[in-house]
Amino acid sequence: MKFSAVVGPTGGPRPHNLTGYMDWLKRRRGQRIEIELRDEAAIRSNRQNRYWFGVVVQFFRDEWEREGHVVPRDVVHDVLVRTFADIDETKTPLGNGRRSTRSMTVAEFSKLIDTVGEYALHKYGATIPTPEEWSE
């Protein structure tokens, strides 16, 4: 079980879902448990998500349409993720050979964007604007 928390003023963890945390502990009264403390991983940002669908996915939709293939946005997204995302089965597998981009950290999602951008350059000779160059 995983509970996120914030470190309180006295240095101890304050779980965001205190009731769930306490219920979980009560059900294990007298049992040995293991507690692992680590920094919370930052999940991909909303801006990254907008960039992904508005720039990267749209780029491939346009290219594939020029090739004669009209492909819905969600299918383009799925193909790119299945092809280019590193699969780590320990992180929220979807059961279809990939994990959701919603569970990717900022760094993992950035790597996916970079990899797909490199592919676009190799395959189409085109440079996708970087997130820094892109304005919403």
N, C-alpha and C. Protein backbone atom coordinates (compact mmCIF):
# COMPACT_ATOMS: atom_id res chain seq x y z
N MET A 1 0.86 -1.17 0.00
CA MET A 1 0.00 0.00 0.00
C MET A 1 0.90 1.22 0.00
N LYS A 2 0.46 2.26 -0.68
CA LYS A 2 1.25 3.48 -0.76
C LYS A 2 0.39 4.65 -0.30
N PHE A 3 0.94 5.47 0.59
CA PHE A 3 0.27 6.67 1.07
C PHE A 3 1.21 7.85 0.86
N SER A 4 0.71 8.91 0.27
CA SER A 4 1.53 10.11 0.16
C SER A 4 1.33 10.95 1.41
N ALA A 5 2.36 11.70 1.73
CA ALA A 5 2.33 12.49 2.96
C ALA A 5 3.17 13.73 2.78
N VAL A 6 3.02 14.64 3.70
CA VAL A 6 3.87 15.83 3.77
C VAL A 6 4.59 15.76 5.12
N VAL A 7 5.81 16.24 5.16
CA VAL A 7 6.55 16.24 6.41
C VAL A 7 6.04 17.42 7.23
N GLY A 8 5.57 17.13 8.42
CA GLY A 8 4.98 18.14 9.29
C GLY A 8 6.03 18.98 10.01
N PRO A 9 5.58 19.95 10.78
CA PRO A 9 6.50 20.87 11.47
C PRO A 9 7.41 20.18 12.48
N THR A 10 6.97 19.03 12.99
CA THR A 10 7.82 18.31 13.96
C THR A 10 8.72 17.29 13.28
N GLY A 11 8.63 17.21 11.94
CA GLY A 11 9.49 16.28 11.19
C GLY A 11 8.85 14.95 10.88
N GLY A 12 7.67 14.70 11.40
CA GLY A 12 7.01 13.44 11.13
C GLY A 12 6.11 13.51 9.90
N PRO A 13 5.79 12.36 9.30
CA PRO A 13 4.91 12.36 8.13
C PRO A 13 3.46 12.63 8.51
N ARG A 14 2.78 13.44 7.69
CA ARG A 14 1.36 13.69 7.86
C ARG A 14 0.67 13.21 6.58
N PRO A 15 0.11 11.99 6.60
CA PRO A 15 -0.52 11.43 5.39
C PRO A 15 -1.67 12.31 4.90
N HIS A 16 -1.78 12.42 3.57
CA HIS A 16 -2.87 13.19 2.98
C HIS A 16 -4.21 12.51 3.27
N ASN A 17 -4.22 11.19 3.24
CA ASN A 17 -5.43 10.43 3.56
C ASN A 17 -5.23 9.78 4.92
N LEU A 18 -5.34 10.58 5.97
CA LEU A 18 -5.06 10.10 7.32
C LEU A 18 -5.98 8.97 7.72
N THR A 19 -7.26 9.07 7.38
CA THR A 19 -8.22 8.01 7.74
C THR A 19 -7.84 6.69 7.09
N GLY A 20 -7.55 6.71 5.80
CA GLY A 20 -7.15 5.49 5.10
C GLY A 20 -5.86 4.90 5.65
N TYR A 21 -4.92 5.77 5.95
CA TYR A 21 -3.65 5.35 6.52
C TYR A 21 -3.86 4.68 7.87
N MET A 22 -4.63 5.31 8.74
CA MET A 22 -4.88 4.75 10.07
C MET A 22 -5.67 3.44 9.98
N ASP A 23 -6.66 3.37 9.09
CA ASP A 23 -7.41 2.12 8.91
C ASP A 23 -6.49 0.99 8.46
N TRP A 24 -5.59 1.30 7.53
CA TRP A 24 -4.66 0.29 7.03
C TRP A 24 -3.78 -0.22 8.18
N LEU A 25 -3.27 0.70 8.99
CA LEU A 25 -2.43 0.30 10.12
C LEU A 25 -3.21 -0.51 11.15
N LYS A 26 -4.44 -0.11 11.45
CA LYS A 26 -5.25 -0.84 12.44
C LYS A 26 -5.48 -2.28 12.02
N ARG A 27 -5.68 -2.51 10.72
CA ARG A 27 -5.91 -3.89 10.23
C ARG A 27 -4.65 -4.74 10.35
N ARG A 28 -3.52 -4.14 10.58
CA ARG A 28 -2.26 -4.87 10.69
C ARG A 28 -1.68 -4.84 12.10
N ARG A 29 -2.49 -4.47 13.06
CA ARG A 29 -2.03 -4.37 14.44
C ARG A 29 -1.35 -5.68 14.85
N GLY A 30 -0.13 -5.57 15.39
CA GLY A 30 0.63 -6.74 15.83
C GLY A 30 1.46 -7.38 14.73
N GLN A 31 1.26 -6.99 13.48
CA GLN A 31 2.03 -7.56 12.37
C GLN A 31 3.27 -6.71 12.11
N ARG A 32 4.26 -7.35 11.52
CA ARG A 32 5.46 -6.61 11.09
C ARG A 32 5.17 -6.01 9.72
N ILE A 33 5.56 -4.76 9.53
CA ILE A 33 5.42 -4.09 8.24
C ILE A 33 6.74 -3.45 7.87
N GLU A 34 6.89 -3.08 6.64
CA GLU A 34 8.08 -2.38 6.18
C GLU A 34 7.65 -1.00 5.70
N ILE A 35 8.37 0.01 6.13
CA ILE A 35 8.07 1.38 5.72
C ILE A 35 9.25 1.90 4.93
N GLU A 36 8.98 2.39 3.73
CA GLU A 36 10.01 2.97 2.88
C GLU A 36 9.70 4.45 2.72
N LEU A 37 10.66 5.29 3.02
CA LEU A 37 10.47 6.73 2.88
C LEU A 37 11.29 7.22 1.70
N ARG A 38 10.67 7.98 0.80
CA ARG A 38 11.37 8.56 -0.33
C ARG A 38 10.63 9.80 -0.79
N ASP A 39 11.32 10.62 -1.56
CA ASP A 39 10.69 11.81 -2.12
C ASP A 39 9.62 11.37 -3.11
N GLU A 40 8.52 12.10 -3.12
CA GLU A 40 7.44 11.79 -4.04
C GLU A 40 7.88 12.15 -5.46
N ALA A 41 7.62 11.26 -6.41
CA ALA A 41 7.96 11.52 -7.81
C ALA A 41 6.95 12.50 -8.40
N ALA A 42 7.46 13.48 -9.11
CA ALA A 42 6.57 14.44 -9.78
C ALA A 42 5.96 13.78 -11.01
N ILE A 43 4.66 13.75 -11.07
CA ILE A 43 3.95 13.17 -12.21
C ILE A 43 3.92 14.19 -13.33
N ARG A 44 3.88 13.68 -14.57
CA ARG A 44 3.92 14.56 -15.73
C ARG A 44 2.97 15.73 -15.56
N SER A 45 3.38 16.87 -16.06
CA SER A 45 2.64 18.10 -15.82
C SER A 45 1.50 18.28 -16.83
N ASN A 46 0.55 19.12 -16.47
CA ASN A 46 -0.54 19.44 -17.39
C ASN A 46 0.00 20.12 -18.64
N ARG A 47 1.02 20.97 -18.48
CA ARG A 47 1.60 21.64 -19.64
C ARG A 47 2.23 20.61 -20.58
N GLN A 48 2.93 19.61 -20.03
CA GLN A 48 3.49 18.56 -20.86
C GLN A 48 2.38 17.84 -21.61
N ASN A 49 1.29 17.56 -20.94
CA ASN A 49 0.18 16.85 -21.56
C ASN A 49 -0.40 17.68 -22.72
N ARG A 50 -0.60 18.98 -22.51
CA ARG A 50 -1.12 19.84 -23.58
C ARG A 50 -0.15 19.90 -24.75
N TYR A 51 1.14 19.98 -24.45
CA TYR A 51 2.17 20.00 -25.50
C TYR A 51 2.14 18.67 -26.27
N TRP A 52 2.07 17.57 -25.56
CA TRP A 52 2.07 16.25 -26.18
C TRP A 52 0.94 16.12 -27.20
N PHE A 53 -0.27 16.44 -26.76
CA PHE A 53 -1.41 16.27 -27.66
C PHE A 53 -1.50 17.40 -28.69
N GLY A 54 -1.18 18.63 -28.29
CA GLY A 54 -1.34 19.76 -29.19
C GLY A 54 -0.24 19.92 -30.22
N VAL A 55 0.96 19.42 -29.92
CA VAL A 55 2.10 19.58 -30.82
C VAL A 55 2.58 18.23 -31.35
N VAL A 56 2.99 17.34 -30.46
CA VAL A 56 3.61 16.09 -30.88
C VAL A 56 2.61 15.18 -31.59
N VAL A 57 1.51 14.87 -30.93
CA VAL A 57 0.51 13.99 -31.53
C VAL A 57 -0.05 14.62 -32.81
N GLN A 58 -0.31 15.92 -32.76
CA GLN A 58 -0.84 16.61 -33.95
C GLN A 58 0.15 16.56 -35.12
N PHE A 59 1.45 16.67 -34.82
CA PHE A 59 2.46 16.57 -35.87
C PHE A 59 2.33 15.25 -36.61
N PHE A 60 2.23 14.15 -35.86
CA PHE A 60 2.15 12.83 -36.48
C PHE A 60 0.81 12.63 -37.18
N ARG A 61 -0.26 13.15 -36.64
CA ARG A 61 -1.56 13.08 -37.34
C ARG A 61 -1.45 13.74 -38.70
N ASP A 62 -0.84 14.92 -38.73
CA ASP A 62 -0.69 15.65 -39.99
C ASP A 62 0.18 14.88 -40.97
N GLU A 63 1.31 14.35 -40.50
CA GLU A 63 2.20 13.59 -41.37
C GLU A 63 1.52 12.34 -41.91
N TRP A 64 0.82 11.62 -41.04
CA TRP A 64 0.16 10.39 -41.49
C TRP A 64 -0.98 10.71 -42.44
N GLU A 65 -1.65 11.85 -42.24
CA GLU A 65 -2.71 12.26 -43.15
C GLU A 65 -2.12 12.57 -44.53
N ARG A 66 -0.95 13.20 -44.57
CA ARG A 66 -0.28 13.45 -45.85
C ARG A 66 0.05 12.15 -46.56
N GLU A 67 0.29 11.11 -45.77
CA GLU A 67 0.58 9.78 -46.34
C GLU A 67 -0.69 9.02 -46.71
N GLY A 68 -1.85 9.64 -46.46
CA GLY A 68 -3.11 9.02 -46.82
C GLY A 68 -3.82 8.27 -45.70
N HIS A 69 -3.37 8.45 -44.47
CA HIS A 69 -3.97 7.76 -43.33
C HIS A 69 -4.63 8.78 -42.40
N VAL A 70 -5.92 8.69 -42.25
CA VAL A 70 -6.62 9.56 -41.30
C VAL A 70 -6.75 8.77 -40.01
N VAL A 71 -6.06 9.23 -38.98
CA VAL A 71 -5.97 8.48 -37.73
C VAL A 71 -6.45 9.37 -36.59
N PRO A 72 -7.37 8.88 -35.76
CA PRO A 72 -7.84 9.67 -34.62
C PRO A 72 -6.69 9.98 -33.65
N ARG A 73 -6.82 11.08 -32.96
CA ARG A 73 -5.81 11.55 -32.02
C ARG A 73 -5.43 10.48 -31.00
N ASP A 74 -6.42 9.81 -30.41
CA ASP A 74 -6.13 8.82 -29.38
C ASP A 74 -5.35 7.63 -29.94
N VAL A 75 -5.60 7.28 -31.19
CA VAL A 75 -4.87 6.17 -31.81
C VAL A 75 -3.42 6.57 -32.06
N VAL A 76 -3.20 7.80 -32.53
CA VAL A 76 -1.83 8.30 -32.72
C VAL A 76 -1.08 8.26 -31.38
N HIS A 77 -1.73 8.77 -30.35
CA HIS A 77 -1.15 8.76 -29.00
C HIS A 77 -0.76 7.33 -28.61
N ASP A 78 -1.69 6.40 -28.77
CA ASP A 78 -1.45 5.02 -28.38
C ASP A 78 -0.29 4.41 -29.16
N VAL A 79 -0.22 4.64 -30.46
CA VAL A 79 0.86 4.09 -31.28
C VAL A 79 2.20 4.65 -30.84
N LEU A 80 2.27 5.95 -30.60
CA LEU A 80 3.53 6.56 -30.18
C LEU A 80 3.99 6.03 -28.82
N VAL A 81 3.07 5.92 -27.89
CA VAL A 81 3.44 5.42 -26.56
C VAL A 81 3.87 3.97 -26.63
N ARG A 82 3.11 3.14 -27.35
CA ARG A 82 3.48 1.72 -27.47
C ARG A 82 4.84 1.54 -28.12
N THR A 83 5.14 2.40 -29.08
CA THR A 83 6.39 2.27 -29.83
C THR A 83 7.59 2.85 -29.10
N PHE A 84 7.41 3.98 -28.44
CA PHE A 84 8.56 4.72 -27.94
C PHE A 84 8.71 4.81 -26.43
N ALA A 85 7.70 4.52 -25.65
CA ALA A 85 7.82 4.63 -24.19
C ALA A 85 8.55 3.42 -23.63
N ASP A 86 9.44 3.68 -22.68
CA ASP A 86 10.08 2.57 -21.97
C ASP A 86 9.01 1.89 -21.13
N ILE A 87 8.94 0.58 -21.22
CA ILE A 87 7.95 -0.15 -20.45
C ILE A 87 8.59 -0.67 -19.18
N ASP A 88 8.01 -0.31 -18.08
CA ASP A 88 8.46 -0.79 -16.78
C ASP A 88 7.24 -1.43 -16.14
N GLU A 89 7.17 -2.74 -16.15
CA GLU A 89 5.99 -3.44 -15.69
C GLU A 89 5.71 -3.24 -14.21
N THR A 90 6.68 -2.68 -13.47
CA THR A 90 6.45 -2.45 -12.05
C THR A 90 5.65 -1.18 -11.82
N LYS A 91 5.42 -0.39 -12.89
CA LYS A 91 4.74 0.88 -12.74
C LYS A 91 3.43 0.88 -13.51
N THR A 92 2.35 0.61 -12.85
CA THR A 92 1.01 0.72 -13.38
C THR A 92 0.84 0.13 -14.77
N PRO A 93 1.06 -1.18 -14.93
CA PRO A 93 0.82 -1.76 -16.25
C PRO A 93 -0.67 -1.70 -16.59
N LEU A 94 -0.96 -1.46 -17.85
CA LEU A 94 -2.35 -1.42 -18.30
C LEU A 94 -2.83 -2.79 -18.75
N GLY A 95 -1.91 -3.74 -18.83
CA GLY A 95 -2.29 -5.07 -19.29
C GLY A 95 -2.25 -5.19 -20.80
N ASN A 96 -1.89 -4.13 -21.51
CA ASN A 96 -1.83 -4.20 -22.96
C ASN A 96 -0.43 -3.87 -23.46
N GLY A 97 0.58 -4.14 -22.65
CA GLY A 97 1.95 -3.96 -23.07
C GLY A 97 2.51 -2.56 -22.83
N ARG A 98 1.77 -1.69 -22.21
CA ARG A 98 2.30 -0.36 -21.90
C ARG A 98 1.64 0.15 -20.64
N ARG A 99 2.22 1.20 -20.11
CA ARG A 99 1.62 1.84 -18.95
C ARG A 99 1.04 3.17 -19.37
N SER A 100 0.19 3.68 -18.56
CA SER A 100 -0.46 4.96 -18.84
C SER A 100 0.53 6.10 -18.73
N THR A 101 0.43 7.08 -19.63
CA THR A 101 1.28 8.25 -19.51
C THR A 101 0.91 9.05 -18.27
N ARG A 102 -0.28 8.84 -17.74
CA ARG A 102 -0.69 9.55 -16.52
C ARG A 102 0.18 9.18 -15.32
N SER A 103 0.78 8.00 -15.37
CA SER A 103 1.61 7.57 -14.25
C SER A 103 3.09 7.88 -14.47
N MET A 104 3.43 8.48 -15.61
CA MET A 104 4.83 8.80 -15.89
C MET A 104 5.27 10.02 -15.10
N THR A 105 6.52 9.98 -14.67
CA THR A 105 7.08 11.15 -14.01
C THR A 105 7.39 12.20 -15.08
N VAL A 106 7.70 13.40 -14.64
CA VAL A 106 8.07 14.47 -15.56
C VAL A 106 9.27 14.02 -16.40
N ALA A 107 10.26 13.39 -15.76
CA ALA A 107 11.46 12.95 -16.47
C ALA A 107 11.14 11.86 -17.50
N GLU A 108 10.31 10.90 -17.13
CA GLU A 108 9.93 9.83 -18.07
C GLU A 108 9.17 10.39 -19.26
N PHE A 109 8.26 11.31 -19.00
CA PHE A 109 7.46 11.89 -20.07
C PHE A 109 8.35 12.75 -20.97
N SER A 110 9.31 13.47 -20.38
CA SER A 110 10.26 14.26 -21.16
C SER A 110 11.08 13.36 -22.08
N LYS A 111 11.48 12.21 -21.56
CA LYS A 111 12.25 11.26 -22.37
C LYS A 111 11.40 10.75 -23.54
N LEU A 112 10.14 10.47 -23.30
CA LEU A 112 9.24 10.04 -24.37
C LEU A 112 9.15 11.12 -25.44
N ILE A 113 8.95 12.36 -25.02
CA ILE A 113 8.85 13.49 -25.96
C ILE A 113 10.14 13.61 -26.78
N ASP A 114 11.29 13.51 -26.12
CA ASP A 114 12.58 13.61 -26.82
C ASP A 114 12.76 12.49 -27.83
N THR A 115 12.42 11.27 -27.44
CA THR A 115 12.57 10.11 -28.31
C THR A 115 11.69 10.23 -29.55
N VAL A 116 10.45 10.65 -29.34
CA VAL A 116 9.53 10.81 -30.46
C VAL A 116 10.00 11.95 -31.37
N GLY A 117 10.54 13.01 -30.78
CA GLY A 117 11.09 14.11 -31.56
C GLY A 117 12.27 13.67 -32.43
N GLU A 118 13.13 12.82 -31.88
CA GLU A 118 14.26 12.28 -32.65
C GLU A 118 13.75 11.43 -33.81
N TYR A 119 12.72 10.65 -33.57
CA TYR A 119 12.13 9.83 -34.63
C TYR A 119 11.56 10.71 -35.74
N ALA A 120 10.88 11.79 -35.38
CA ALA A 120 10.30 12.70 -36.38
C ALA A 120 11.40 13.29 -37.26
N LEU A 121 12.52 13.63 -36.64
CA LEU A 121 13.65 14.18 -37.39
C LEU A 121 14.21 13.13 -38.35
N HIS A 122 14.37 11.91 -37.87
CA HIS A 122 14.92 10.82 -38.69
C HIS A 122 13.95 10.42 -39.81
N LYS A 123 12.69 10.24 -39.48
CA LYS A 123 11.70 9.71 -40.43
C LYS A 123 11.23 10.78 -41.43
N TYR A 124 10.96 11.98 -40.93
CA TYR A 124 10.35 13.01 -41.78
C TYR A 124 11.28 14.19 -42.07
N GLY A 125 12.45 14.21 -41.46
CA GLY A 125 13.35 15.33 -41.66
C GLY A 125 12.80 16.63 -41.09
N ALA A 126 11.91 16.49 -40.12
CA ALA A 126 11.24 17.66 -39.55
C ALA A 126 11.55 17.76 -38.06
N THR A 127 11.67 18.98 -37.61
CA THR A 127 11.90 19.23 -36.19
C THR A 127 10.59 19.67 -35.56
N ILE A 128 10.17 18.95 -34.55
CA ILE A 128 8.99 19.33 -33.78
C ILE A 128 9.43 20.43 -32.82
N PRO A 129 8.67 21.52 -32.72
CA PRO A 129 9.06 22.57 -31.75
C PRO A 129 9.22 21.97 -30.35
N THR A 130 10.24 22.40 -29.65
CA THR A 130 10.45 21.92 -28.29
C THR A 130 9.40 22.54 -27.37
N PRO A 131 9.21 21.98 -26.20
CA PRO A 131 8.27 22.60 -25.25
C PRO A 131 8.63 24.06 -24.96
N GLU A 132 9.93 24.38 -24.95
CA GLU A 132 10.36 25.75 -24.68
C GLU A 132 10.01 26.68 -25.83
N GLU A 133 10.02 26.17 -27.06
CA GLU A 133 9.69 26.97 -28.24
C GLU A 133 8.18 27.12 -28.44
N TRP A 134 7.43 26.22 -27.83
CA TRP A 134 5.98 26.16 -28.02
C TRP A 134 5.29 27.16 -27.12
N SER A 135 4.37 27.90 -27.68
CA SER A 135 3.55 28.78 -26.86
C SER A 135 2.10 28.34 -26.97
N GLU A 136 1.47 28.25 -25.84
CA GLU A 136 0.09 27.75 -25.80
C GLU A 136 -0.78 28.71 -26.45
